[in-house]
Amino acid sequence: MTPNDTENAARAYEPEAAEGAPASAPEAAPTADTIAALEAEKLDLKDKLLRTLADMENLRRRTEREVADARTYAVTNFARDMLNAADNVRRALESVPADARASAEGPLKALVDGIELTERDLLKTLERHGVKRVDPQGQRFDPNLHQAMFEVPNPDVTSGTVVQVVQSGYVIGERVLRPALVGVAKGGPKAEAKPAEG
């Protein structure tokens, strides 16, 4: 193969210009329709980009909220199970009469003190994990936090006031873990209504 053969081979791959056409034709100028179509496509792509960015931001916020909720409420089932143990400790303390507790000496005093210490430690541990005790004695009845078990006729107390707590309630974060079981006053003076402005 000679150098001339290489040139001939290169010429064989060059496209041949059509007869009567110039060797290099200038590209046609873009028309108004082409420009309008490209502008519309640009606006469409920009809209899609902005929507995708907004969707990603919403997803990020929702994920952060779900992670925070998971951290706060992860112990809910375990805490609900532990409430039975807390109730049993409270019942054990209440089973000892007040006069016997006051005059207790020796092993009985040590037992009562140990149960009280255990209850305090259990409640502190629950609080450390976001579980708080609800003791509504004397508060206005709130159906979101309390469950009325019975009504107590009492003309001295405002109607709708919690006068007896059968079982303490618990909340975890902003959610009710267990409503407080309460007795509500009936027959007393009505709760003061807020004066109407006007």
Protein backbone atom coordinates (compact mmCIF):
# COMPACT_ATOMS: atom_id res chain seq x y z
CA MET A 1 0.00 0.00 0.00
CA THR A 2 1.45 3.34 -1.02
CA PRO A 3 0.78 6.82 0.38
CA ASN A 4 -1.46 7.54 -2.63
CA ASP A 5 -3.58 4.50 -1.80
CA THR A 6 -4.25 5.98 1.66
CA GLU A 7 -5.46 9.26 0.15
CA ASN A 8 -7.69 7.41 -2.31
CA ALA A 9 -9.16 5.34 0.50
CA ALA A 10 -9.89 8.48 2.56
CA ARG A 11 -11.63 10.09 -0.46
CA ALA A 12 -13.76 7.01 -0.90
CA TYR A 13 -15.41 7.65 2.51
CA GLU A 14 -16.16 11.36 1.87
CA PRO A 15 -19.78 11.98 0.93
CA GLU A 16 -20.14 13.22 -2.56
CA ALA A 17 -21.89 16.50 -3.09
CA ALA A 18 -24.99 16.35 -5.20
CA GLU A 19 -24.58 17.76 -8.64
CA GLY A 20 -25.23 21.48 -8.80
CA ALA A 21 -25.31 21.86 -4.98
CA PRO A 22 -22.66 23.91 -3.23
CA ALA A 23 -20.08 21.92 -1.32
CA SER A 24 -21.14 23.29 2.11
CA ALA A 25 -24.70 24.59 2.50
CA PRO A 26 -25.31 27.02 5.40
CA GLU A 27 -27.81 25.81 8.02
CA ALA A 28 -31.30 27.21 7.62
CA ALA A 29 -32.20 30.01 10.06
CA PRO A 30 -34.55 28.88 12.88
CA THR A 31 -38.15 29.73 12.21
CA ALA A 32 -40.59 31.33 14.64
CA ASP A 33 -42.41 28.01 15.06
CA THR A 34 -39.19 26.26 16.03
CA ILE A 35 -38.34 28.99 18.56
CA ALA A 36 -41.84 28.86 20.06
CA ALA A 37 -41.67 25.06 20.36
CA LEU A 38 -38.28 25.26 22.08
CA GLU A 39 -39.54 27.97 24.48
CA ALA A 40 -42.58 25.85 25.34
CA GLU A 41 -40.35 22.85 25.96
CA LYS A 42 -38.04 24.98 28.13
CA LEU A 43 -40.98 26.22 30.23
CA ASP A 44 -42.33 22.68 30.55
CA LEU A 45 -38.95 21.35 31.72
CA LYS A 46 -38.56 24.27 34.16
CA ASP A 47 -42.04 23.54 35.57
CA LYS A 48 -41.17 19.85 35.97
CA LEU A 49 -37.89 20.74 37.68
CA LEU A 50 -39.60 23.10 40.15
CA ARG A 51 -42.29 20.53 40.93
CA THR A 52 -39.65 17.84 41.48
CA LEU A 53 -37.71 20.15 43.81
CA ALA A 54 -40.91 20.93 45.76
CA ASP A 55 -41.75 17.22 45.98
CA MET A 56 -38.26 16.46 47.27
CA GLU A 57 -38.53 19.22 49.91
CA ASN A 58 -41.93 17.89 51.03
CA LEU A 59 -40.51 14.36 51.18
CA ARG A 60 -37.58 15.60 53.29
CA ARG A 61 -39.90 17.38 55.74
CA ARG A 62 -42.27 14.40 55.97
CA THR A 63 -39.33 12.04 56.57
CA GLU A 64 -37.94 14.29 59.31
CA ARG A 65 -41.37 14.38 60.98
CA GLU A 66 -41.73 10.59 60.73
CA VAL A 67 -38.24 10.04 62.18
CA ALA A 68 -39.02 12.41 65.08
CA ASP A 69 -42.33 10.61 65.71
CA ALA A 70 -40.58 7.24 65.57
CA ARG A 71 -38.05 8.41 68.18
CA THR A 72 -40.76 9.84 70.43
CA TYR A 73 -43.27 7.03 70.17
CA ALA A 74 -41.01 4.00 69.63
CA VAL A 75 -41.45 2.85 73.23
CA THR A 76 -45.26 3.16 73.20
CA ASN A 77 -46.08 -0.56 73.32
CA PHE A 78 -43.41 -1.27 75.94
CA ALA A 79 -44.54 1.71 78.04
CA ARG A 80 -48.18 0.60 77.83
CA ASP A 81 -47.14 -2.83 79.16
CA MET A 82 -45.11 -1.23 81.95
CA LEU A 83 -48.16 0.72 83.16
CA ASN A 84 -49.57 -2.50 84.63
CA ALA A 85 -46.41 -2.89 86.71
CA ALA A 86 -46.68 0.75 87.88
CA ASP A 87 -50.33 0.18 88.83
CA ASN A 88 -49.43 -2.95 90.80
CA VAL A 89 -46.72 -1.10 92.71
CA ARG A 90 -49.24 1.65 93.56
CA ARG A 91 -51.80 -0.96 94.68
CA ALA A 92 -49.17 -2.59 96.90
CA LEU A 93 -48.56 0.75 98.62
CA GLU A 94 -52.28 1.46 98.98
CA SER A 95 -52.90 -1.98 100.52
CA VAL A 96 -50.95 -0.97 103.62
CA PRO A 97 -53.27 1.11 105.85
CA ALA A 98 -52.08 4.67 106.53
CA ASP A 99 -51.89 4.16 110.32
CA ALA A 100 -49.89 0.94 109.88
CA ARG A 101 -47.54 2.74 107.49
CA ALA A 102 -47.03 5.61 109.96
CA SER A 103 -46.30 3.28 112.88
CA ALA A 104 -44.31 0.74 110.84
CA GLU A 105 -40.97 -0.39 112.20
CA GLY A 106 -38.36 -2.90 111.19
CA PRO A 107 -39.05 -5.17 108.20
CA LEU A 108 -42.48 -3.67 107.39
CA LYS A 109 -41.03 -0.14 107.25
CA ALA A 110 -38.17 -1.38 105.04
CA LEU A 111 -40.68 -3.12 102.74
CA VAL A 112 -42.88 -0.03 102.40
CA ASP A 113 -39.85 2.23 101.82
CA GLY A 114 -38.53 -0.20 99.20
CA ILE A 115 -41.85 -0.26 97.33
CA GLU A 116 -42.05 3.56 97.42
CA LEU A 117 -38.49 3.79 96.10
CA THR A 118 -39.31 1.29 93.35
CA GLU A 119 -42.38 3.30 92.32
CA ARG A 120 -40.43 6.59 92.21
CA ASP A 121 -37.65 4.96 90.16
CA LEU A 122 -40.15 3.38 87.74
CA LEU A 123 -41.97 6.70 87.21
CA LYS A 124 -38.65 8.55 86.70
CA THR A 125 -37.59 5.99 84.11
CA LEU A 126 -40.90 6.30 82.28
CA GLU A 127 -40.59 10.12 82.33
CA ARG A 128 -37.07 9.91 80.95
CA HIS A 129 -38.59 8.13 77.94
CA GLY A 130 -41.35 10.72 77.50
CA VAL A 131 -44.13 8.96 79.46
CA LYS A 132 -45.82 11.27 81.98
CA ARG A 133 -48.43 10.51 84.60
CA VAL A 134 -51.78 12.34 84.42
CA ASP A 135 -53.36 12.87 87.84
CA PRO A 136 -56.44 15.07 87.19
CA GLN A 137 -57.80 15.34 90.75
CA GLY A 138 -59.64 18.69 91.03
CA GLN A 139 -59.25 19.55 87.33
CA ARG A 140 -62.00 20.12 84.80
CA PHE A 141 -63.00 16.90 82.99
CA ASP A 142 -61.25 16.63 79.61
CA PRO A 143 -62.58 13.81 77.39
CA ASN A 144 -59.26 13.77 75.52
CA LEU A 145 -57.34 12.82 78.66
CA HIS A 146 -59.95 11.33 81.00
CA GLN A 147 -62.56 8.60 80.89
CA ALA A 148 -65.57 9.20 83.14
CA MET A 149 -66.50 6.06 85.04
CA PHE A 150 -69.29 7.51 87.19
CA GLU A 151 -70.83 10.76 88.40
CA VAL A 152 -70.67 11.88 92.01
CA PRO A 153 -73.52 14.08 93.30
CA ASN A 154 -71.73 16.93 95.07
CA PRO A 155 -73.36 20.38 95.34
CA ASP A 156 -70.14 21.93 96.70
CA VAL A 157 -68.02 21.26 93.60
CA THR A 158 -68.47 22.72 90.12
CA SER A 159 -70.18 20.30 87.74
CA GLY A 160 -67.72 18.58 85.43
CA THR A 161 -64.84 18.64 87.92
CA VAL A 162 -62.87 15.45 88.56
CA VAL A 163 -63.49 14.52 92.21
CA GLN A 164 -62.09 10.99 92.26
CA VAL A 165 -59.31 9.27 90.30
CA VAL A 166 -59.84 5.53 90.01
CA GLN A 167 -56.75 4.94 87.86
CA SER A 168 -54.09 7.45 86.81
CA GLY A 169 -53.68 8.16 83.13
CA TYR A 170 -50.46 8.47 81.14
CA VAL A 171 -49.39 10.42 78.07
CA ILE A 172 -46.38 9.91 75.82
CA GLY A 173 -45.34 13.05 74.00
CA GLU A 174 -48.61 14.63 72.85
CA ARG A 175 -50.53 11.34 72.67
CA VAL A 176 -52.65 9.65 75.32
CA LEU A 177 -51.13 6.33 76.30
CA ARG A 178 -53.96 5.52 78.70
CA PRO A 179 -56.79 7.83 79.80
CA ALA A 180 -57.29 8.48 83.50
CA LEU A 181 -60.35 6.70 84.88
CA VAL A 182 -62.24 9.30 86.92
CA GLY A 183 -65.39 10.15 88.82
CA VAL A 184 -66.92 13.50 87.85
CA ALA A 185 -68.91 15.90 90.06
CA LYS A 186 -72.59 16.40 89.27
CA GLY A 187 -75.17 18.79 90.68
CA GLY A 188 -72.86 21.60 91.78
CA PRO A 189 -72.75 25.10 90.34
CA LYS A 190 -72.30 25.29 86.58
CA ALA A 191 -68.84 26.01 85.26
CA GLU A 192 -68.39 29.72 84.56
CA ALA A 193 -68.94 30.45 80.90
CA LYS A 194 -66.75 33.06 79.27
CA PRO A 195 -68.70 36.31 78.85
CA ALA A 196 -69.72 37.04 75.29
CA GLU A 197 -67.98 40.04 73.83
CA GLY A 198 -70.08 42.55 72.01
